[in-house]
Amino acid sequence: MPSLHTAPFVSSDEIRQVFSTALSRMYKREVPQYGVLMELVADVNATALRDAPELRTRLALSQESARVDDERHGAIRLGTARELATVARMFAVLGMQPVGYYDLSAAGVPVHATAFRPVSDAALSHNPFRVFTSLLRLDLIADWALRDEAAQILARRQIFSPGALALLEIFEAQHGLTQPQASEFVEALIETFRWHERATVDASTYARLLAAHRLIADVVCFKGPHINHLTPRTFDIDAAQEEMLRRGLGAKAVIEGPPARRCPILLRQTSFTALQEKVTFDGGGLEAEVIGAHTARFGEIEQRGVALTRAGRALYDNCLAQARSGDPSIDHASRMREAFKAFPDDLDALRLRGLAFFRYTVAAPPVSDAEVSDLALDDLIASGIVHAEPLTYEDFLPVSAAGIFQSNLDGAKADAYAVSDARESFEQALGRAVLDETELYQDAEQRSIERVRRALGRRAP
């Protein structure tokens, strides 16, 4: 094991870049369809950039072009508070913090979650890798005996290797890792998220947990929290959905999130159906092993739009509620399009009405002080001195996440669990409060305004 010394440390941003690349390579080997998905998204994005000069211009101004090819998010499902607390420490090595709280139990999925991701402008620009991290809620298993059995199974497992834990302690002691240590850490941490074909329980136990909920079986019955999907980002998810079907990938029927718009908002997601994979179970005291199957891992694509303010999220939620409560004889897509007519589809309108967050930059330095001495921000934008670029939404939507989860559980539709406020227990398990995503966007917008103010010599806005 490497010892403490004075060699220079590798930045967390660089470690995150190496880790996300290594994870993508591993997942491509394990799930070949993921490679097809990456090729598909690259083709769709190339077409979108070719056919939309305004998109190319916007990406150049926002400096997002370089990050999109590497951009993806992963998802894992943990079983215990100890696992969640430790994975938070592991992701801290990668410069990722827990942002947002998502309770999926109201949609019939017995987990709550956060998203570990970078939070600073520079870190997001370097590599915006995110991991949607769910924690199983054993309290939602109605059968007390089965709940206790699941807890005992989870208590026996250790999802992190001794090497990863040792390097984590080194990082925390010396506040960084050298290049050799960082490489060793990435290699050790990758093992936590690898697929293991052999279950840790017998077929009978698996069947009982599966009957309680497919996701419970997925979390409890295996050696670790195998990555269940990696998600590339596309500029045109509708075209990606059509291409998935054309290439024989069984895309889900409905794209999750808001309807298609000229100005994308928040997040839209689609996926192909989870794979049925071979699993070997213990013989349960018998000599012969049992061969079975498990469905857990799937392919997903996302399209990200502008982050919304609290007022924008309130309007979004109202539109979504209207669509969900509409005439069931009308198809979902039509109800969504009708409901979201109330949501402005113009960047200037979104900005002027305070519905979305923007990053401001000086586009054209003024000829004289008089040009900006008394101008408000909106006037500076109208005059072309300041440019307003929509801030990309970096987070997730609980309704959409639940929809993706449900579509990959053999189509089984679970009833909603009784609603209970479990955020406090989640944060207690995590060992800290999650960050508020809206405050992060507000801070990013305000920092850009301060930079504009300094660039213009205090005078504005």
Protein backbone atom coordinates (compact mmCIF):
# COMPACT_ATOMS: atom_id res chain seq x y z
CA MET A 1 0.00 0.00 0.00
CA PRO A 2 1.46 3.42 -0.88
CA SER A 3 2.62 5.43 2.10
CA LEU A 4 2.19 9.13 2.84
CA HIS A 5 4.72 11.32 1.04
CA THR A 6 5.09 14.74 -0.52
CA ALA A 7 4.50 13.96 -4.19
CA PRO A 8 2.02 16.33 -5.87
CA PHE A 9 -1.66 15.44 -5.61
CA VAL A 10 -4.00 14.76 -8.52
CA SER A 11 -7.07 17.00 -8.58
CA SER A 12 -10.43 15.46 -7.72
CA ASP A 13 -11.68 16.63 -11.12
CA GLU A 14 -9.01 14.55 -12.85
CA ILE A 15 -9.71 11.50 -10.69
CA ARG A 16 -13.42 11.83 -11.53
CA GLN A 17 -12.60 12.01 -15.24
CA VAL A 18 -10.48 8.87 -15.07
CA PHE A 19 -13.07 7.04 -12.98
CA SER A 20 -16.02 7.88 -15.25
CA THR A 21 -14.03 6.79 -18.32
CA ALA A 22 -13.00 3.52 -16.67
CA LEU A 23 -16.58 2.87 -15.51
CA SER A 24 -17.85 3.44 -19.05
CA ARG A 25 -15.33 0.95 -20.45
CA MET A 26 -16.30 -1.63 -17.85
CA TYR A 27 -20.02 -1.21 -18.43
CA LYS A 28 -19.56 -1.46 -22.20
CA ARG A 29 -17.84 -4.83 -21.73
CA GLU A 30 -20.60 -6.03 -19.40
CA VAL A 31 -23.54 -4.63 -21.41
CA PRO A 32 -22.70 -4.49 -25.15
CA GLN A 33 -25.98 -2.67 -25.82
CA TYR A 34 -24.49 0.30 -23.98
CA GLY A 35 -21.86 0.54 -26.72
CA VAL A 36 -24.65 0.59 -29.32
CA LEU A 37 -26.34 3.33 -27.30
CA MET A 38 -23.17 5.44 -27.27
CA GLU A 39 -22.78 5.10 -31.03
CA LEU A 40 -26.44 5.98 -31.52
CA VAL A 41 -26.18 9.11 -29.37
CA ALA A 42 -23.00 10.22 -31.16
CA ASP A 43 -24.80 9.92 -34.52
CA VAL A 44 -27.87 11.80 -33.29
CA ASN A 45 -25.76 14.57 -31.76
CA ALA A 46 -23.69 14.97 -34.93
CA THR A 47 -26.88 15.35 -36.96
CA ALA A 48 -28.34 17.84 -34.47
CA LEU A 49 -25.19 19.98 -34.57
CA ARG A 50 -25.05 19.83 -38.36
CA ASP A 51 -28.67 20.87 -38.78
CA ALA A 52 -28.86 23.51 -36.06
CA PRO A 53 -26.25 26.30 -36.39
CA GLU A 54 -27.83 28.13 -33.45
CA LEU A 55 -27.13 25.10 -31.24
CA ARG A 56 -23.48 25.07 -32.30
CA THR A 57 -23.22 28.78 -31.51
CA ARG A 58 -24.88 28.40 -28.11
CA LEU A 59 -22.64 25.48 -27.14
CA ALA A 60 -19.55 27.45 -28.16
CA LEU A 61 -20.64 30.44 -26.07
CA SER A 62 -21.41 28.27 -23.04
CA GLN A 63 -18.22 26.17 -23.48
CA GLU A 64 -20.34 23.02 -23.20
CA SER A 65 -19.20 21.48 -26.47
CA ALA A 66 -16.14 19.89 -24.91
CA ARG A 67 -18.01 18.27 -22.03
CA VAL A 68 -20.93 16.68 -23.88
CA ASP A 69 -19.05 13.75 -25.41
CA ASP A 70 -17.84 12.65 -21.97
CA GLU A 71 -21.06 13.50 -20.16
CA ARG A 72 -23.06 10.74 -18.54
CA HIS A 73 -24.65 9.78 -15.29
CA GLY A 74 -24.77 6.44 -13.55
CA ALA A 75 -27.13 4.95 -11.00
CA ILE A 76 -26.56 2.63 -8.05
CA ARG A 77 -28.80 1.17 -5.33
CA LEU A 78 -27.47 0.76 -1.80
CA GLY A 79 -28.84 -1.30 1.06
CA THR A 80 -27.61 0.20 4.33
CA ALA A 81 -26.83 3.49 6.04
CA ARG A 82 -23.21 2.34 6.39
CA GLU A 83 -22.94 1.83 2.63
CA LEU A 84 -24.41 5.26 1.93
CA ALA A 85 -22.11 7.04 4.38
CA THR A 86 -19.04 5.29 2.95
CA VAL A 87 -19.96 5.88 -0.68
CA ALA A 88 -20.36 9.59 0.17
CA ARG A 89 -16.76 9.59 1.38
CA MET A 90 -15.63 7.70 -1.74
CA PHE A 91 -17.37 10.15 -4.06
CA ALA A 92 -15.81 13.06 -2.16
CA VAL A 93 -12.45 11.80 -3.47
CA LEU A 94 -13.93 12.33 -6.94
CA GLY A 95 -15.07 15.86 -6.07
CA MET A 96 -18.75 14.87 -5.95
CA GLN A 97 -21.22 16.09 -3.32
CA PRO A 98 -24.80 14.97 -2.54
CA VAL A 99 -27.30 17.31 -4.20
CA GLY A 100 -31.07 17.08 -3.72
CA TYR A 101 -33.34 14.58 -2.01
CA TYR A 102 -35.64 12.30 -4.00
CA ASP A 103 -38.36 10.18 -2.37
CA LEU A 104 -39.57 7.60 -4.88
CA SER A 105 -41.81 5.71 -2.47
CA ALA A 106 -44.90 7.74 -3.45
CA ALA A 107 -44.51 6.21 -6.93
CA GLY A 108 -44.27 2.65 -5.62
CA VAL A 109 -40.47 2.39 -5.57
CA PRO A 110 -39.16 1.63 -2.04
CA VAL A 111 -36.09 3.87 -2.12
CA HIS A 112 -35.05 7.44 -1.49
CA ALA A 113 -32.03 9.00 -3.10
CA THR A 114 -29.62 11.82 -3.75
CA ALA A 115 -27.37 12.66 -6.69
CA PHE A 116 -23.64 12.86 -6.14
CA ARG A 117 -22.12 15.34 -8.56
CA PRO A 118 -19.58 18.16 -8.91
CA VAL A 119 -20.99 21.55 -7.93
CA SER A 120 -18.58 24.31 -8.97
CA ASP A 121 -18.57 25.91 -12.41
CA ALA A 122 -15.03 24.73 -13.10
CA ALA A 123 -15.68 21.17 -11.90
CA LEU A 124 -18.85 20.82 -13.99
CA SER A 125 -17.00 22.14 -17.02
CA HIS A 126 -14.17 19.66 -16.50
CA ASN A 127 -16.43 16.61 -16.16
CA PRO A 128 -20.08 16.65 -15.02
CA PHE A 129 -20.28 12.96 -14.07
CA ARG A 130 -23.17 12.22 -11.68
CA VAL A 131 -24.32 9.15 -9.80
CA PHE A 132 -27.99 8.89 -8.82
CA THR A 133 -27.66 6.98 -5.56
CA SER A 134 -30.67 5.24 -4.02
CA LEU A 135 -30.96 3.80 -0.52
CA LEU A 136 -33.35 0.91 0.03
CA ARG A 137 -36.08 1.62 2.58
CA LEU A 138 -36.37 -1.64 4.49
CA ASP A 139 -39.09 -0.03 6.61
CA LEU A 140 -41.40 -0.28 3.60
CA ILE A 141 -41.25 -4.09 3.53
CA ALA A 142 -44.58 -5.06 5.07
CA ASP A 143 -43.48 -8.53 6.18
CA TRP A 144 -41.48 -7.96 9.37
CA ALA A 145 -39.76 -11.35 9.19
CA LEU A 146 -38.67 -10.73 5.60
CA ARG A 147 -37.54 -7.22 6.55
CA ASP A 148 -35.32 -8.62 9.31
CA GLU A 149 -33.95 -11.31 7.03
CA ALA A 150 -33.07 -8.70 4.38
CA ALA A 151 -31.36 -6.54 7.00
CA GLN A 152 -29.28 -9.49 8.19
CA ILE A 153 -28.20 -10.35 4.63
CA LEU A 154 -27.15 -6.75 3.97
CA ALA A 155 -25.30 -6.48 7.29
CA ARG A 156 -23.03 -9.36 6.28
CA ARG A 157 -21.78 -7.84 3.05
CA GLN A 158 -18.89 -5.43 2.47
CA ILE A 159 -19.21 -3.68 -0.89
CA PHE A 160 -15.82 -1.92 -0.75
CA SER A 161 -12.48 -3.66 -1.10
CA PRO A 162 -9.81 -3.32 1.63
CA GLY A 163 -7.67 -1.45 -0.88
CA ALA A 164 -10.35 1.13 -1.63
CA LEU A 165 -10.99 1.69 2.08
CA ALA A 166 -7.27 2.07 2.83
CA LEU A 167 -6.81 4.61 0.04
CA LEU A 168 -9.89 6.49 1.22
CA GLU A 169 -8.28 6.86 4.64
CA ILE A 170 -5.05 8.06 3.02
CA PHE A 171 -6.98 10.67 1.01
CA GLU A 172 -8.72 11.93 4.12
CA ALA A 173 -5.50 12.04 6.13
CA GLN A 174 -3.36 13.83 3.56
CA HIS A 175 -6.20 15.70 1.77
CA GLY A 176 -5.33 14.29 -1.62
CA LEU A 177 -3.91 11.39 -3.61
CA THR A 178 -0.73 11.15 -5.65
CA GLN A 179 -0.90 9.90 -9.21
CA PRO A 180 -0.09 6.27 -8.31
CA GLN A 181 -2.52 6.36 -5.39
CA ALA A 182 -5.28 7.89 -7.56
CA SER A 183 -4.84 5.20 -10.22
CA GLU A 184 -4.97 2.47 -7.60
CA PHE A 185 -8.04 4.07 -5.99
CA VAL A 186 -9.96 4.19 -9.29
CA GLU A 187 -9.13 0.55 -10.01
CA ALA A 188 -10.25 -0.49 -6.52
CA LEU A 189 -13.44 1.56 -6.50
CA ILE A 190 -14.52 0.27 -9.93
CA GLU A 191 -14.77 -3.21 -8.39
CA THR A 192 -17.62 -2.04 -6.14
CA PHE A 193 -19.85 -1.37 -9.15
CA ARG A 194 -19.05 -4.47 -11.20
CA TRP A 195 -21.79 -7.01 -12.03
CA HIS A 196 -21.55 -10.29 -10.14
CA GLU A 197 -23.43 -13.18 -11.69
CA ARG A 198 -23.46 -15.22 -8.47
CA ALA A 199 -26.16 -14.18 -6.00
CA THR A 200 -25.44 -14.11 -2.27
CA VAL A 201 -28.68 -15.94 -1.40
CA ASP A 202 -30.45 -19.11 -2.48
CA ALA A 203 -33.20 -19.14 -5.07
CA SER A 204 -35.95 -19.39 -2.46
CA THR A 205 -34.81 -16.28 -0.60
CA TYR A 206 -34.46 -14.43 -3.89
CA ALA A 207 -38.02 -15.39 -4.85
CA ARG A 208 -39.45 -14.13 -1.57
CA LEU A 209 -37.64 -10.80 -1.85
CA LEU A 210 -38.63 -10.55 -5.50
CA ALA A 211 -42.27 -11.01 -4.54
CA ALA A 212 -41.99 -8.10 -2.09
CA HIS A 213 -40.57 -5.86 -4.84
CA ARG A 214 -38.18 -6.49 -7.72
CA LEU A 215 -35.95 -3.66 -6.64
CA ILE A 216 -35.63 -5.11 -3.12
CA ALA A 217 -34.29 -8.34 -4.62
CA ASP A 218 -31.89 -6.36 -6.81
CA VAL A 219 -30.39 -4.57 -3.80
CA VAL A 220 -30.33 -7.38 -1.24
CA CYS A 221 -29.34 -10.47 -3.22
CA PHE A 222 -26.02 -9.48 -4.75
CA LYS A 223 -22.46 -8.80 -3.65
CA GLY A 224 -22.58 -5.10 -4.40
CA PRO A 225 -24.42 -2.20 -6.02
CA HIS A 226 -23.79 -3.02 -9.67
CA ILE A 227 -24.18 0.01 -11.93
CA ASN A 228 -27.67 -0.44 -13.34
CA HIS A 229 -27.27 2.09 -16.12
CA LEU A 230 -24.95 4.71 -17.60
CA THR A 231 -26.67 7.54 -19.42
CA PRO A 232 -25.18 9.61 -22.26
CA ARG A 233 -26.56 13.05 -23.08
CA THR A 234 -28.21 13.85 -26.39
CA PHE A 235 -29.31 17.09 -28.01
CA ASP A 236 -32.41 15.49 -29.54
CA ILE A 237 -34.05 12.79 -27.44
CA ASP A 238 -37.00 12.39 -29.81
CA ALA A 239 -34.62 11.50 -32.64
CA ALA A 240 -32.71 9.21 -30.26
CA GLN A 241 -35.94 7.44 -29.31
CA GLU A 242 -36.77 6.80 -32.97
CA GLU A 243 -33.22 5.58 -33.64
CA MET A 244 -33.38 3.17 -30.68
CA LEU A 245 -36.45 1.57 -32.20
CA ARG A 246 -34.86 1.49 -35.65
CA ARG A 247 -31.80 -0.30 -34.27
CA GLY A 248 -33.86 -2.86 -32.39
CA LEU A 249 -33.39 -1.48 -28.89
CA GLY A 250 -36.72 -1.81 -27.08
CA ALA A 251 -37.30 1.81 -26.11
CA LYS A 252 -39.94 2.60 -23.50
CA ALA A 253 -43.20 3.93 -24.90
CA VAL A 254 -43.09 7.38 -23.26
CA ILE A 255 -40.23 9.85 -22.88
CA GLU A 256 -40.13 10.92 -19.24
CA GLY A 257 -40.17 14.62 -18.38
CA PRO A 258 -41.58 17.68 -20.14
CA PRO A 259 -42.74 17.54 -23.76
CA ALA A 260 -40.54 18.51 -26.70
CA ARG A 261 -39.93 22.27 -26.83
CA ARG A 262 -37.87 24.83 -28.75
CA CYS A 263 -36.26 25.77 -25.41
CA PRO A 264 -35.70 22.53 -23.45
CA ILE A 265 -36.31 22.73 -19.71
CA LEU A 266 -35.05 20.50 -16.90
CA LEU A 267 -34.60 16.90 -18.08
CA ARG A 268 -36.08 14.41 -20.53
CA GLN A 269 -35.16 10.71 -20.34
CA THR A 270 -35.86 7.48 -22.16
CA SER A 271 -34.47 3.96 -21.84
CA PHE A 272 -34.44 0.49 -23.31
CA THR A 273 -35.82 -2.43 -21.35
CA ALA A 274 -33.71 -4.06 -18.66
CA LEU A 275 -31.73 -7.10 -19.73
CA GLN A 276 -32.50 -10.57 -18.44
CA GLU A 277 -29.19 -11.85 -17.13
CA LYS A 278 -28.06 -15.24 -15.93
CA VAL A 279 -27.69 -15.64 -12.15
CA THR A 280 -26.30 -18.52 -10.11
CA PHE A 281 -27.91 -19.14 -6.72
CA ASP A 282 -26.62 -21.17 -3.81
CA GLY A 283 -28.17 -24.60 -3.53
CA GLY A 284 -29.74 -23.75 -0.19
CA GLY A 285 -28.03 -26.64 1.57
CA LEU A 286 -28.25 -28.90 -1.49
CA GLU A 287 -25.19 -29.81 -3.51
CA ALA A 288 -26.45 -28.50 -6.84
CA GLU A 289 -26.43 -24.81 -7.62
CA VAL A 290 -29.52 -23.23 -9.16
CA ILE A 291 -29.35 -21.25 -12.38
CA GLY A 292 -31.88 -18.46 -12.73
CA ALA A 293 -32.26 -15.00 -14.25
CA HIS A 294 -32.47 -11.42 -13.01
CA THR A 295 -33.45 -8.16 -14.68
CA ALA A 296 -31.72 -5.07 -13.38
CA ARG A 297 -29.55 -3.26 -15.90
CA PHE A 298 -30.78 -1.14 -18.78
CA GLY A 299 -29.80 1.63 -21.18
CA GLU A 300 -30.89 5.22 -20.80
CA ILE A 301 -30.51 8.48 -22.74
CA GLU A 302 -31.11 11.97 -21.44
CA GLN A 303 -31.58 15.47 -22.85
CA ARG A 304 -30.85 18.35 -20.49
CA GLY A 305 -32.44 21.79 -20.63
CA VAL A 306 -32.33 24.97 -18.60
CA ALA A 307 -32.52 24.92 -14.79
CA LEU A 308 -35.69 26.49 -13.41
CA THR A 309 -36.13 28.88 -10.52
CA ARG A 310 -38.55 28.08 -7.70
CA ALA A 311 -41.22 29.97 -9.62
CA GLY A 312 -40.38 27.98 -12.73
CA ARG A 313 -40.56 24.68 -10.84
CA ALA A 314 -43.94 25.66 -9.39
CA LEU A 315 -45.26 26.34 -12.90
CA TYR A 316 -43.72 23.09 -14.15
CA ASP A 317 -45.37 21.13 -11.34
CA ASN A 318 -48.73 22.76 -12.09
CA CYS A 319 -48.47 21.86 -15.77
CA LEU A 320 -47.46 18.30 -14.90
CA ALA A 321 -50.36 17.92 -12.47
CA GLN A 322 -52.78 19.22 -15.08
CA ALA A 323 -51.51 16.70 -17.63
CA ARG A 324 -51.67 13.80 -15.18
CA SER A 325 -55.24 14.62 -14.14
CA GLY A 326 -56.47 15.15 -17.70
CA ASP A 327 -58.90 13.06 -19.71
CA PRO A 328 -57.47 9.50 -19.71
CA SER A 329 -59.03 8.87 -23.11
CA ILE A 330 -56.53 11.37 -24.54
CA ASP A 331 -53.02 10.00 -25.01
CA HIS A 332 -50.29 11.07 -22.60
CA ALA A 333 -48.23 13.04 -25.15
CA SER A 334 -51.24 15.12 -26.22
CA ARG A 335 -52.17 15.89 -22.60
CA MET A 336 -48.61 16.99 -21.89
CA ARG A 337 -48.42 19.24 -24.95
CA GLU A 338 -51.72 20.90 -24.04
CA ALA A 339 -50.83 21.40 -20.37
CA PHE A 340 -47.40 22.85 -21.13
CA LYS A 341 -48.76 25.54 -23.43
CA ALA A 342 -48.85 27.58 -20.23
CA PHE A 343 -45.07 27.34 -19.93
CA PRO A 344 -43.23 29.98 -22.04
CA ASP A 345 -41.12 28.47 -24.81
CA ASP A 346 -38.83 31.44 -25.34
CA LEU A 347 -35.56 32.12 -23.52
CA ASP A 348 -36.18 35.85 -23.17
CA ALA A 349 -39.63 35.18 -21.68
CA LEU A 350 -38.18 32.61 -19.28
CA ARG A 351 -35.56 35.10 -18.14
CA LEU A 352 -37.78 38.18 -17.89
CA ARG A 353 -40.45 36.27 -15.96
CA GLY A 354 -37.88 34.85 -13.55
CA LEU A 355 -38.65 31.23 -14.48
CA ALA A 356 -35.15 30.01 -15.35
CA PHE A 357 -31.53 30.57 -14.34
CA PHE A 358 -28.92 32.11 -16.64
CA ARG A 359 -25.19 32.70 -16.74
CA TYR A 360 -24.20 36.22 -17.78
CA THR A 361 -21.02 37.20 -19.63
CA VAL A 362 -19.72 40.39 -21.27
CA ALA A 363 -20.26 39.85 -24.98
CA ALA A 364 -19.10 43.21 -26.34
CA PRO A 365 -17.14 45.65 -24.17
CA PRO A 366 -18.78 49.09 -24.16
CA VAL A 367 -17.16 51.90 -26.12
CA SER A 368 -17.46 54.30 -23.19
CA ASP A 369 -18.43 54.40 -19.54
CA ALA A 370 -21.53 56.35 -20.51
CA GLU A 371 -22.89 53.28 -22.27
CA VAL A 372 -23.23 51.36 -19.03
CA SER A 373 -23.23 53.90 -16.23
CA ASP A 374 -26.96 53.70 -15.57
CA LEU A 375 -28.02 50.59 -17.43
CA ALA A 376 -29.81 47.71 -15.72
CA LEU A 377 -28.94 44.14 -16.58
CA ASP A 378 -31.88 43.77 -18.99
CA ASP A 379 -30.76 46.93 -20.81
CA LEU A 380 -27.20 45.63 -21.10
CA ILE A 381 -28.55 42.42 -22.61
CA ALA A 382 -30.82 44.32 -25.02
CA SER A 383 -27.88 46.47 -26.13
CA GLY A 384 -25.73 43.40 -26.82
CA ILE A 385 -23.12 44.27 -24.20
CA VAL A 386 -24.05 41.32 -21.96
CA HIS A 387 -25.00 37.82 -23.09
CA ALA A 388 -27.44 35.61 -21.14
CA GLU A 389 -26.86 31.87 -21.49
CA PRO A 390 -29.29 29.36 -19.93
CA LEU A 391 -27.80 27.37 -17.06
CA THR A 392 -27.90 23.63 -17.74
CA TYR A 393 -30.01 21.58 -15.33
CA GLU A 394 -27.57 19.20 -13.64
CA ASP A 395 -30.01 17.23 -11.49
CA PHE A 396 -32.96 14.82 -11.71
CA LEU A 397 -36.76 14.65 -11.52
CA PRO A 398 -38.31 12.24 -9.02
CA VAL A 399 -41.37 11.51 -11.17
CA SER A 400 -39.16 10.74 -14.18
CA ALA A 401 -36.76 8.61 -12.14
CA ALA A 402 -39.69 6.58 -10.81
CA GLY A 403 -41.05 6.20 -14.33
CA ILE A 404 -37.72 4.85 -15.58
CA PHE A 405 -37.43 2.51 -12.60
CA GLN A 406 -40.95 1.15 -13.08
CA SER A 407 -40.51 0.62 -16.81
CA ASN A 408 -37.53 -1.62 -16.08
CA LEU A 409 -39.17 -3.82 -13.46
CA ASP A 410 -40.87 -6.11 -15.96
CA GLY A 411 -43.62 -3.53 -16.31
CA ALA A 412 -44.89 -4.33 -12.83
CA LYS A 413 -46.85 -1.38 -11.51
CA ALA A 414 -46.56 -1.09 -7.74
CA ASP A 415 -49.02 0.81 -5.60
CA ALA A 416 -47.66 3.89 -3.88
CA TYR A 417 -46.33 3.35 -0.39
CA ALA A 418 -47.80 5.40 2.44
CA VAL A 419 -46.15 8.82 2.30
CA SER A 420 -43.80 9.51 5.21
CA ASP A 421 -41.17 12.17 5.71
CA ALA A 422 -37.94 10.16 5.55
CA ARG A 423 -35.52 12.92 4.54
CA GLU A 424 -34.18 13.31 8.05
CA SER A 425 -33.36 9.61 8.31
CA PHE A 426 -31.72 9.68 4.87
CA GLU A 427 -29.50 12.61 5.81
CA GLN A 428 -28.68 10.96 9.12
CA ALA A 429 -27.53 7.87 7.23
CA LEU A 430 -25.59 10.04 4.78
CA GLY A 431 -23.86 11.85 7.61
CA ARG A 432 -24.68 15.33 6.32
CA ALA A 433 -27.45 17.40 4.78
CA VAL A 434 -27.88 17.24 1.02
CA LEU A 435 -27.25 20.44 -0.89
CA ASP A 436 -30.19 22.41 -2.28
CA GLU A 437 -29.95 22.35 -6.08
CA THR A 438 -31.89 25.60 -6.53
CA GLU A 439 -29.50 27.45 -4.25
CA LEU A 440 -26.59 26.11 -6.30
CA TYR A 441 -28.11 27.54 -9.50
CA GLN A 442 -28.87 30.85 -7.77
CA ASP A 443 -25.27 31.06 -6.60
CA ALA A 444 -23.94 30.26 -10.08
CA GLU A 445 -26.13 32.94 -11.64
CA GLN A 446 -25.12 35.50 -9.01
CA ARG A 447 -21.42 34.73 -9.48
CA SER A 448 -21.78 35.42 -13.19
CA ILE A 449 -23.48 38.76 -12.45
CA GLU A 450 -20.62 39.68 -10.12
CA ARG A 451 -18.10 38.84 -12.85
CA VAL A 452 -19.98 41.06 -15.29
CA ARG A 453 -20.01 43.84 -12.70
CA ARG A 454 -16.25 43.58 -12.23
CA ALA A 455 -15.61 43.38 -15.97
CA LEU A 456 -17.62 46.55 -16.51
CA GLY A 457 -15.86 48.31 -13.66
CA ARG A 458 -18.65 48.18 -11.03
CA ARG A 459 -20.98 50.35 -13.09
CA ALA A 460 -23.53 47.66 -13.80
CA PRO A 461 -25.76 45.82 -13.42
